[in-house]
Amino acid sequence: MEESAEMGSPEVYRVWRLRKQNQYIDAQIRDLGDEKAGVEISFLYNGELSYRHVCATRDAAIAEAGVKRVELEREGWICHW
């Protein structure tokens, strides 16, 4: 697994965090520098990178995070900030 950028880094923004028992999943977005490069959406399971995808726009990355959140909430994960 690859290491993620630090949350304190100015280019990484947490979209949400979900918890279930003693586990957590974060959705983070990161601008890749310019409009042509896109926006990266990353999902981290207990701090470890689980999935990463580059979207064309910030709105598309946030929408992808929303779809995943709905799926996880159906499985019993709850919002935790």
PDB file of N, CA and C in Angstrom:
ATOM      1  N   MET A   1       0.826  -1.181   0.000  1.00  0.00           N
ATOM      2  CA  MET A   1       0.000   0.000   0.000  1.00  0.00           C
ATOM      3  C   MET A   1       0.872   1.246   0.000  1.00  0.00           C
ATOM      4  N   GLU A   2       0.398   2.268  -0.685  1.00  0.00           N
ATOM      5  CA  GLU A   2       1.123   3.521  -0.733  1.00  0.00           C
ATOM      6  C   GLU A   2       0.721   4.396   0.444  1.00  0.00           C
ATOM      7  N   GLU A   3       1.608   5.270   0.839  1.00  0.00           N
ATOM      8  CA  GLU A   3       1.291   6.192   1.907  1.00  0.00           C
ATOM      9  C   GLU A   3       0.511   7.362   1.339  1.00  0.00           C
ATOM     10  N   SER A   4      -0.438   7.861   2.131  1.00  0.00           N
ATOM     11  CA  SER A   4      -1.219   9.016   1.705  1.00  0.00           C
ATOM     12  C   SER A   4      -0.521  10.295   2.141  1.00  0.00           C
ATOM     13  N   ALA A   5      -0.924  11.393   1.543  1.00  0.00           N
ATOM     14  CA  ALA A   5      -0.415  12.694   1.963  1.00  0.00           C
ATOM     15  C   ALA A   5      -0.957  13.004   3.360  1.00  0.00           C
ATOM     16  N   GLU A   6      -0.235  13.764   4.105  1.00  0.00           N
ATOM     17  CA  GLU A   6      -0.658  14.134   5.451  1.00  0.00           C
ATOM     18  C   GLU A   6      -1.910  15.002   5.388  1.00  0.00           C
ATOM     19  N   MET A   7      -2.833  14.773   6.361  1.00  0.00           N
ATOM     20  CA  MET A   7      -4.043  15.588   6.431  1.00  0.00           C
ATOM     21  C   MET A   7      -3.694  17.064   6.634  1.00  0.00           C
ATOM     22  N   GLY A   8      -2.590  17.375   7.305  1.00  0.00           N
ATOM     23  CA  GLY A   8      -2.210  18.754   7.537  1.00  0.00           C
ATOM     24  C   GLY A   8      -1.729  19.468   6.283  1.00  0.00           C
ATOM     25  N   SER A   9      -1.446  18.719   5.237  1.00  0.00           N
ATOM     26  CA  SER A   9      -0.987  19.299   3.988  1.00  0.00           C
ATOM     27  C   SER A   9      -2.103  20.148   3.386  1.00  0.00           C
ATOM     28  N   PRO A  10      -1.787  21.343   2.864  1.00  0.00           N
ATOM     29  CA  PRO A  10      -2.841  22.243   2.379  1.00  0.00           C
ATOM     30  C   PRO A  10      -3.605  21.717   1.177  1.00  0.00           C
ATOM     31  N   GLU A  11      -3.056  20.776   0.432  1.00  0.00           N
ATOM     32  CA  GLU A  11      -3.770  20.324  -0.758  1.00  0.00           C
ATOM     33  C   GLU A  11      -4.697  19.132  -0.504  1.00  0.00           C
ATOM     34  N   VAL A  12      -4.703  18.561   0.705  1.00  0.00           N
ATOM     35  CA  VAL A  12      -5.539  17.405   1.022  1.00  0.00           C
ATOM     36  C   VAL A  12      -6.692  17.843   1.921  1.00  0.00           C
ATOM     37  N   TYR A  13      -7.921  17.466   1.530  1.00  0.00           N
ATOM     38  CA  TYR A  13      -9.110  17.843   2.288  1.00  0.00           C
ATOM     39  C   TYR A  13      -9.947  16.611   2.588  1.00  0.00           C
ATOM     40  N   ARG A  14     -10.303  16.434   3.848  1.00  0.00           N
ATOM     41  CA  ARG A  14     -11.183  15.315   4.202  1.00  0.00           C
ATOM     42  C   ARG A  14     -12.605  15.679   3.825  1.00  0.00           C
ATOM     43  N   VAL A  15     -13.263  14.787   3.097  1.00  0.00           N
ATOM     44  CA  VAL A  15     -14.658  14.974   2.714  1.00  0.00           C
ATOM     45  C   VAL A  15     -15.555  14.434   3.819  1.00  0.00           C
ATOM     46  N   TRP A  16     -15.223  13.249   4.323  1.00  0.00           N
ATOM     47  CA  TRP A  16     -15.954  12.649   5.440  1.00  0.00           C
ATOM     48  C   TRP A  16     -15.117  11.572   6.106  1.00  0.00           C
ATOM     49  N   ARG A  17     -15.570  11.178   7.308  1.00  0.00           N
ATOM     50  CA  ARG A  17     -15.003  10.028   8.030  1.00  0.00           C
ATOM     51  C   ARG A  17     -16.183   9.222   8.556  1.00  0.00           C
ATOM     52  N   LEU A  18     -16.119   7.913   8.341  1.00  0.00           N
ATOM     53  CA  LEU A  18     -17.133   6.997   8.852  1.00  0.00           C
ATOM     54  C   LEU A  18     -16.460   6.024   9.814  1.00  0.00           C
ATOM     55  N   ARG A  19     -17.226   5.601  10.830  1.00  0.00           N
ATOM     56  CA  ARG A  19     -16.708   4.650  11.813  1.00  0.00           C
ATOM     57  C   ARG A  19     -17.667   3.469  11.937  1.00  0.00           C
ATOM     58  N   LYS A  20     -17.080   2.328  12.266  1.00  0.00           N
ATOM     59  CA  LYS A  20     -17.855   1.126  12.563  1.00  0.00           C
ATOM     60  C   LYS A  20     -17.013   0.320  13.542  1.00  0.00           C
ATOM     61  N   GLN A  21     -17.534   0.139  14.752  1.00  0.00           N
ATOM     62  CA  GLN A  21     -16.795  -0.489  15.836  1.00  0.00           C
ATOM     63  C   GLN A  21     -15.493   0.287  16.035  1.00  0.00           C
ATOM     64  N   ASN A  22     -14.349  -0.335  15.938  1.00  0.00           N
ATOM     65  CA  ASN A  22     -13.075   0.365  16.153  1.00  0.00           C
ATOM     66  C   ASN A  22     -12.355   0.666  14.846  1.00  0.00           C
ATOM     67  N   GLN A  23     -13.059   0.677  13.736  1.00  0.00           N
ATOM     68  CA  GLN A  23     -12.480   0.917  12.417  1.00  0.00           C
ATOM     69  C   GLN A  23     -12.961   2.272  11.896  1.00  0.00           C
ATOM     70  N   TYR A  24     -12.218   2.854  10.960  1.00  0.00           N
ATOM     71  CA  TYR A  24     -12.676   4.088  10.325  1.00  0.00           C
ATOM     72  C   TYR A  24     -12.237   4.139   8.861  1.00  0.00           C
ATOM     73  N   ILE A  25     -13.017   4.870   8.096  1.00  0.00           N
ATOM     74  CA  ILE A  25     -12.728   5.102   6.681  1.00  0.00           C
ATOM     75  C   ILE A  25     -12.810   6.600   6.429  1.00  0.00           C
ATOM     76  N   ASP A  26     -11.786   7.144   5.784  1.00  0.00           N
ATOM     77  CA  ASP A  26     -11.763   8.553   5.396  1.00  0.00           C
ATOM     78  C   ASP A  26     -11.858   8.663   3.880  1.00  0.00           C
ATOM     79  N   ALA A  27     -12.587   9.672   3.432  1.00  0.00           N
ATOM     80  CA  ALA A  27     -12.571  10.055   2.021  1.00  0.00           C
ATOM     81  C   ALA A  27     -11.843  11.392   1.959  1.00  0.00           C
ATOM     82  N   GLN A  28     -10.814  11.474   1.118  1.00  0.00           N
ATOM     83  CA  GLN A  28     -10.031  12.694   0.978  1.00  0.00           C
ATOM     84  C   GLN A  28      -9.929  13.073  -0.485  1.00  0.00           C
ATOM     85  N   ILE A  29      -9.904  14.375  -0.739  1.00  0.00           N
ATOM     86  CA  ILE A  29      -9.670  14.845  -2.102  1.00  0.00           C
ATOM     87  C   ILE A  29      -8.405  15.711  -2.106  1.00  0.00           C
ATOM     88  N   ARG A  30      -7.759  15.722  -3.265  1.00  0.00           N
ATOM     89  CA  ARG A  30      -6.530  16.504  -3.431  1.00  0.00           C
ATOM     90  C   ARG A  30      -6.483  17.029  -4.854  1.00  0.00           C
ATOM     91  N   ASP A  31      -6.336  18.342  -4.979  1.00  0.00           N
ATOM     92  CA  ASP A  31      -6.150  18.943  -6.300  1.00  0.00           C
ATOM     93  C   ASP A  31      -4.775  18.549  -6.815  1.00  0.00           C
ATOM     94  N   LEU A  32      -4.693  18.159  -8.075  1.00  0.00           N
ATOM     95  CA  LEU A  32      -3.435  17.683  -8.636  1.00  0.00           C
ATOM     96  C   LEU A  32      -2.617  18.778  -9.312  1.00  0.00           C
ATOM     97  N   GLY A  33      -2.981  20.017  -9.120  1.00  0.00           N
ATOM     98  CA  GLY A  33      -2.138  21.102  -9.610  1.00  0.00           C
ATOM     99  C   GLY A  33      -2.789  22.025 -10.603  1.00  0.00           C
ATOM    100  N   ASP A  34      -3.409  21.474 -11.621  1.00  0.00           N
ATOM    101  CA  ASP A  34      -4.105  22.323 -12.586  1.00  0.00           C
ATOM    102  C   ASP A  34      -5.376  21.625 -13.046  1.00  0.00           C
ATOM    103  N   GLU A  35      -6.198  22.354 -13.783  1.00  0.00           N
ATOM    104  CA  GLU A  35      -7.489  21.815 -14.217  1.00  0.00           C
ATOM    105  C   GLU A  35      -7.344  20.575 -15.089  1.00  0.00           C
ATOM    106  N   LYS A  36      -6.294  20.508 -15.893  1.00  0.00           N
ATOM    107  CA  LYS A  36      -6.097  19.358 -16.773  1.00  0.00           C
ATOM    108  C   LYS A  36      -5.724  18.100 -15.998  1.00  0.00           C
ATOM    109  N   ALA A  37      -5.037  18.271 -14.881  1.00  0.00           N
ATOM    110  CA  ALA A  37      -4.599  17.119 -14.093  1.00  0.00           C
ATOM    111  C   ALA A  37      -5.755  16.486 -13.327  1.00  0.00           C
ATOM    112  N   GLY A  38      -6.731  17.281 -12.920  1.00  0.00           N
ATOM    113  CA  GLY A  38      -7.894  16.755 -12.229  1.00  0.00           C
ATOM    114  C   GLY A  38      -7.767  16.804 -10.714  1.00  0.00           C
ATOM    115  N   VAL A  39      -8.631  16.028 -10.066  1.00  0.00           N
ATOM    116  CA  VAL A  39      -8.716  15.957  -8.609  1.00  0.00           C
ATOM    117  C   VAL A  39      -8.692  14.492  -8.219  1.00  0.00           C
ATOM    118  N   GLU A  40      -7.865  14.172  -7.246  1.00  0.00           N
ATOM    119  CA  GLU A  40      -7.751  12.789  -6.781  1.00  0.00           C
ATOM    120  C   GLU A  40      -8.670  12.561  -5.594  1.00  0.00           C
ATOM    121  N   ILE A  41      -9.425  11.477  -5.626  1.00  0.00           N
ATOM    122  CA  ILE A  41     -10.223  11.039  -4.482  1.00  0.00           C
ATOM    123  C   ILE A  41      -9.552   9.789  -3.922  1.00  0.00           C
ATOM    124  N   SER A  42      -9.336   9.781  -2.621  1.00  0.00           N
ATOM    125  CA  SER A  42      -8.697   8.641  -1.966  1.00  0.00           C
ATOM    126  C   SER A  42      -9.574   8.166  -0.815  1.00  0.00           C
ATOM    127  N   PHE A  43      -9.633   6.865  -0.642  1.00  0.00           N
ATOM    128  CA  PHE A  43     -10.333   6.267   0.488  1.00  0.00           C
ATOM    129  C   PHE A  43      -9.291   5.535   1.322  1.00  0.00           C
ATOM    130  N   LEU A  44      -9.241   5.878   2.604  1.00  0.00           N
ATOM    131  CA  LEU A  44      -8.268   5.280   3.513  1.00  0.00           C
ATOM    132  C   LEU A  44      -8.991   4.470   4.576  1.00  0.00           C
ATOM    133  N   TYR A  45      -8.554   3.242   4.768  1.00  0.00           N
ATOM    134  CA  TYR A  45      -9.129   2.351   5.767  1.00  0.00           C
ATOM    135  C   TYR A  45      -8.143   2.291   6.926  1.00  0.00           C
ATOM    136  N   ASN A  46      -8.543   2.828   8.069  1.00  0.00           N
ATOM    137  CA  ASN A  46      -7.665   2.910   9.243  1.00  0.00           C
ATOM    138  C   ASN A  46      -6.332   3.566   8.905  1.00  0.00           C
ATOM    139  N   GLY A  47      -6.373   4.588   8.054  1.00  0.00           N
ATOM    140  CA  GLY A  47      -5.178   5.342   7.704  1.00  0.00           C
ATOM    141  C   GLY A  47      -4.372   4.788   6.546  1.00  0.00           C
ATOM    142  N   GLU A  48      -4.706   3.600   6.070  1.00  0.00           N
ATOM    143  CA  GLU A  48      -3.988   2.973   4.953  1.00  0.00           C
ATOM    144  C   GLU A  48      -4.777   3.170   3.663  1.00  0.00           C
ATOM    145  N   LEU A  49      -4.079   3.535   2.603  1.00  0.00           N
ATOM    146  CA  LEU A  49      -4.734   3.740   1.320  1.00  0.00           C
ATOM    147  C   LEU A  49      -5.405   2.453   0.854  1.00  0.00           C
ATOM    148  N   SER A  50      -6.687   2.560   0.558  1.00  0.00           N
ATOM    149  CA  SER A  50      -7.446   1.417   0.072  1.00  0.00           C
ATOM    150  C   SER A  50      -7.769   1.564  -1.415  1.00  0.00           C
ATOM    151  N   TYR A  51      -8.084   2.793  -1.826  1.00  0.00           N
ATOM    152  CA  TYR A  51      -8.482   3.037  -3.216  1.00  0.00           C
ATOM    153  C   TYR A  51      -8.185   4.485  -3.564  1.00  0.00           C
ATOM    154  N   ARG A  52      -7.738   4.716  -4.786  1.00  0.00           N
ATOM    155  CA  ARG A  52      -7.449   6.063  -5.277  1.00  0.00           C
ATOM    156  C   ARG A  52      -7.925   6.161  -6.716  1.00  0.00           C
ATOM    157  N   HIS A  53      -8.511   7.306  -7.059  1.00  0.00           N
ATOM    158  CA  HIS A  53      -9.014   7.509  -8.416  1.00  0.00           C
ATOM    159  C   HIS A  53      -8.887   8.990  -8.761  1.00  0.00           C
ATOM    160  N   VAL A  54      -8.558   9.292 -10.006  1.00  0.00           N
ATOM    161  CA  VAL A  54      -8.481  10.681 -10.469  1.00  0.00           C
ATOM    162  C   VAL A  54      -9.755  11.013 -11.228  1.00  0.00           C
ATOM    163  N   CYS A  55     -10.400  12.094 -10.815  1.00  0.00           N
ATOM    164  CA  CYS A  55     -11.620  12.582 -11.455  1.00  0.00           C
ATOM    165  C   CYS A  55     -11.298  13.864 -12.212  1.00  0.00           C
ATOM    166  N   ALA A  56     -12.097  14.163 -13.201  1.00  0.00           N
ATOM    167  CA  ALA A  56     -11.852  15.345 -14.034  1.00  0.00           C
ATOM    168  C   ALA A  56     -12.070  16.645 -13.256  1.00  0.00           C
ATOM    169  N   THR A  57     -13.036  16.643 -12.338  1.00  0.00           N
ATOM    170  CA  THR A  57     -13.364  17.871 -11.605  1.00  0.00           C
ATOM    171  C   THR A  57     -13.535  17.581 -10.115  1.00  0.00           C
ATOM    172  N   ARG A  58     -13.499  18.638  -9.333  1.00  0.00           N
ATOM    173  CA  ARG A  58     -13.731  18.539  -7.891  1.00  0.00           C
ATOM    174  C   ARG A  58     -15.144  18.029  -7.616  1.00  0.00           C
ATOM    175  N   ASP A  59     -16.117  18.525  -8.360  1.00  0.00           N
ATOM    176  CA  ASP A  59     -17.501  18.080  -8.180  1.00  0.00           C
ATOM    177  C   ASP A  59     -17.634  16.582  -8.429  1.00  0.00           C
ATOM    178  N   ALA A  60     -16.951  16.067  -9.434  1.00  0.00           N
ATOM    179  CA  ALA A  60     -17.000  14.630  -9.730  1.00  0.00           C
ATOM    180  C   ALA A  60     -16.374  13.823  -8.602  1.00  0.00           C
ATOM    181  N   ALA A  61     -15.288  14.315  -8.022  1.00  0.00           N
ATOM    182  CA  ALA A  61     -14.638  13.612  -6.910  1.00  0.00           C
ATOM    183  C   ALA A  61     -15.541  13.589  -5.679  1.00  0.00           C
ATOM    184  N   ILE A  62     -16.181  14.709  -5.385  1.00  0.00           N
ATOM    185  CA  ILE A  62     -17.090  14.769  -4.241  1.00  0.00           C
ATOM    186  C   ILE A  62     -18.304  13.881  -4.477  1.00  0.00           C
ATOM    187  N   ALA A  63     -18.793  13.833  -5.711  1.00  0.00           N
ATOM    188  CA  ALA A  63     -19.924  12.956  -6.027  1.00  0.00           C
ATOM    189  C   ALA A  63     -19.539  11.492  -5.840  1.00  0.00           C
ATOM    190  N   GLU A  64     -18.326  11.103  -6.251  1.00  0.00           N
ATOM    191  CA  GLU A  64     -17.867   9.731  -6.061  1.00  0.00           C
ATOM    192  C   GLU A  64     -17.774   9.391  -4.577  1.00  0.00           C
ATOM    193  N   ALA A  65     -17.291  10.351  -3.784  1.00  0.00           N
ATOM    194  CA  ALA A  65     -17.231  10.144  -2.332  1.00  0.00           C
ATOM    195  C   ALA A  65     -18.634   9.967  -1.751  1.00  0.00           C
ATOM    196  N   GLY A  66     -19.591  10.712  -2.273  1.00  0.00           N
ATOM    197  CA  GLY A  66     -20.974  10.600  -1.796  1.00  0.00           C
ATOM    198  C   GLY A  66     -21.589   9.250  -2.096  1.00  0.00           C
ATOM    199  N   VAL A  67     -21.322   8.733  -3.282  1.00  0.00           N
ATOM    200  CA  VAL A  67     -21.833   7.410  -3.656  1.00  0.00           C
ATOM    201  C   VAL A  67     -21.261   6.340  -2.730  1.00  0.00           C
ATOM    202  N   LYS A  68     -19.966   6.418  -2.455  1.00  0.00           N
ATOM    203  CA  LYS A  68     -19.326   5.441  -1.567  1.00  0.00           C
ATOM    204  C   LYS A  68     -19.856   5.566  -0.148  1.00  0.00           C
ATOM    205  N   ARG A  69     -20.097   6.789   0.316  1.00  0.00           N
ATOM    206  CA  ARG A  69     -20.626   6.991   1.665  1.00  0.00           C
ATOM    207  C   ARG A  69     -21.991   6.334   1.829  1.00  0.00           C
ATOM    208  N   VAL A  70     -22.856   6.521   0.862  1.00  0.00           N
ATOM    209  CA  VAL A  70     -24.186   5.902   0.918  1.00  0.00           C
ATOM    210  C   VAL A  70     -24.063   4.387   1.012  1.00  0.00           C
ATOM    211  N   GLU A  71     -23.188   3.805   0.206  1.00  0.00           N
ATOM    212  CA  GLU A  71     -22.957   2.360   0.211  1.00  0.00           C
ATOM    213  C   GLU A  71     -22.491   1.887   1.592  1.00  0.00           C
ATOM    214  N   LEU A  72     -21.543   2.609   2.170  1.00  0.00           N
ATOM    215  CA  LEU A  72     -21.009   2.215   3.475  1.00  0.00           C
ATOM    216  C   LEU A  72     -22.033   2.404   4.603  1.00  0.00           C
ATOM    217  N   GLU A  73     -22.815   3.469   4.532  1.00  0.00           N
ATOM    218  CA  GLU A  73     -23.844   3.684   5.554  1.00  0.00           C
ATOM    219  C   GLU A  73     -24.898   2.583   5.518  1.00  0.00           C
ATOM    220  N   ARG A  74     -25.186   2.047   4.360  1.00  0.00           N
ATOM    221  CA  ARG A  74     -26.107   0.910   4.258  1.00  0.00           C
ATOM    222  C   ARG A  74     -25.544  -0.323   4.964  1.00  0.00           C
ATOM    223  N   GLU A  75     -24.211  -0.396   5.040  1.00  0.00           N
ATOM    224  CA  GLU A  75     -23.540  -1.523   5.683  1.00  0.00           C
ATOM    225  C   GLU A  75     -23.298  -1.289   7.176  1.00  0.00           C
ATOM    226  N   GLY A  76     -23.841  -0.191   7.722  1.00  0.00           N
ATOM    227  CA  GLY A  76     -23.743   0.050   9.149  1.00  0.00           C
ATOM    228  C   GLY A  76     -22.685   1.034   9.596  1.00  0.00           C
ATOM    229  N   TRP A  77     -21.957   1.643   8.675  1.00  0.00           N
ATOM    230  CA  TRP A  77     -20.960   2.655   9.046  1.00  0.00           C
ATOM    231  C   TRP A  77     -21.709   3.939   9.400  1.00  0.00           C
ATOM    232  N   ILE A  78     -21.178   4.700  10.371  1.00  0.00           N
ATOM    233  CA  ILE A  78     -21.829   5.943  10.799  1.00  0.00           C
ATOM    234  C   ILE A  78     -20.857   7.107  10.671  1.00  0.00           C
ATOM    235  N   CYS A  79     -21.426   8.301  10.507  1.00  0.00           N
ATOM    236  CA  CYS A  79     -20.620   9.513  10.353  1.00  0.00           C
ATOM    237  C   CYS A  79     -19.875   9.827  11.639  1.00  0.00           C
ATOM    238  N   HIS A  80     -18.620  10.197  11.495  1.00  0.00           N
ATOM    239  CA  HIS A  80     -17.805  10.602  12.636  1.00  0.00           C
ATOM    240  C   HIS A  80     -16.794  11.608  12.134  1.00  0.00           C
ATOM    241  N   TRP A  81     -16.772  12.779  12.723  1.00  0.00           N
ATOM    242  CA  TRP A  81     -15.824  13.779  12.275  1.00  0.00           C
ATOM    243  C   TRP A  81     -14.737  13.857  13.247  1.00  0.00           C
TER     244      TRP A  81
END
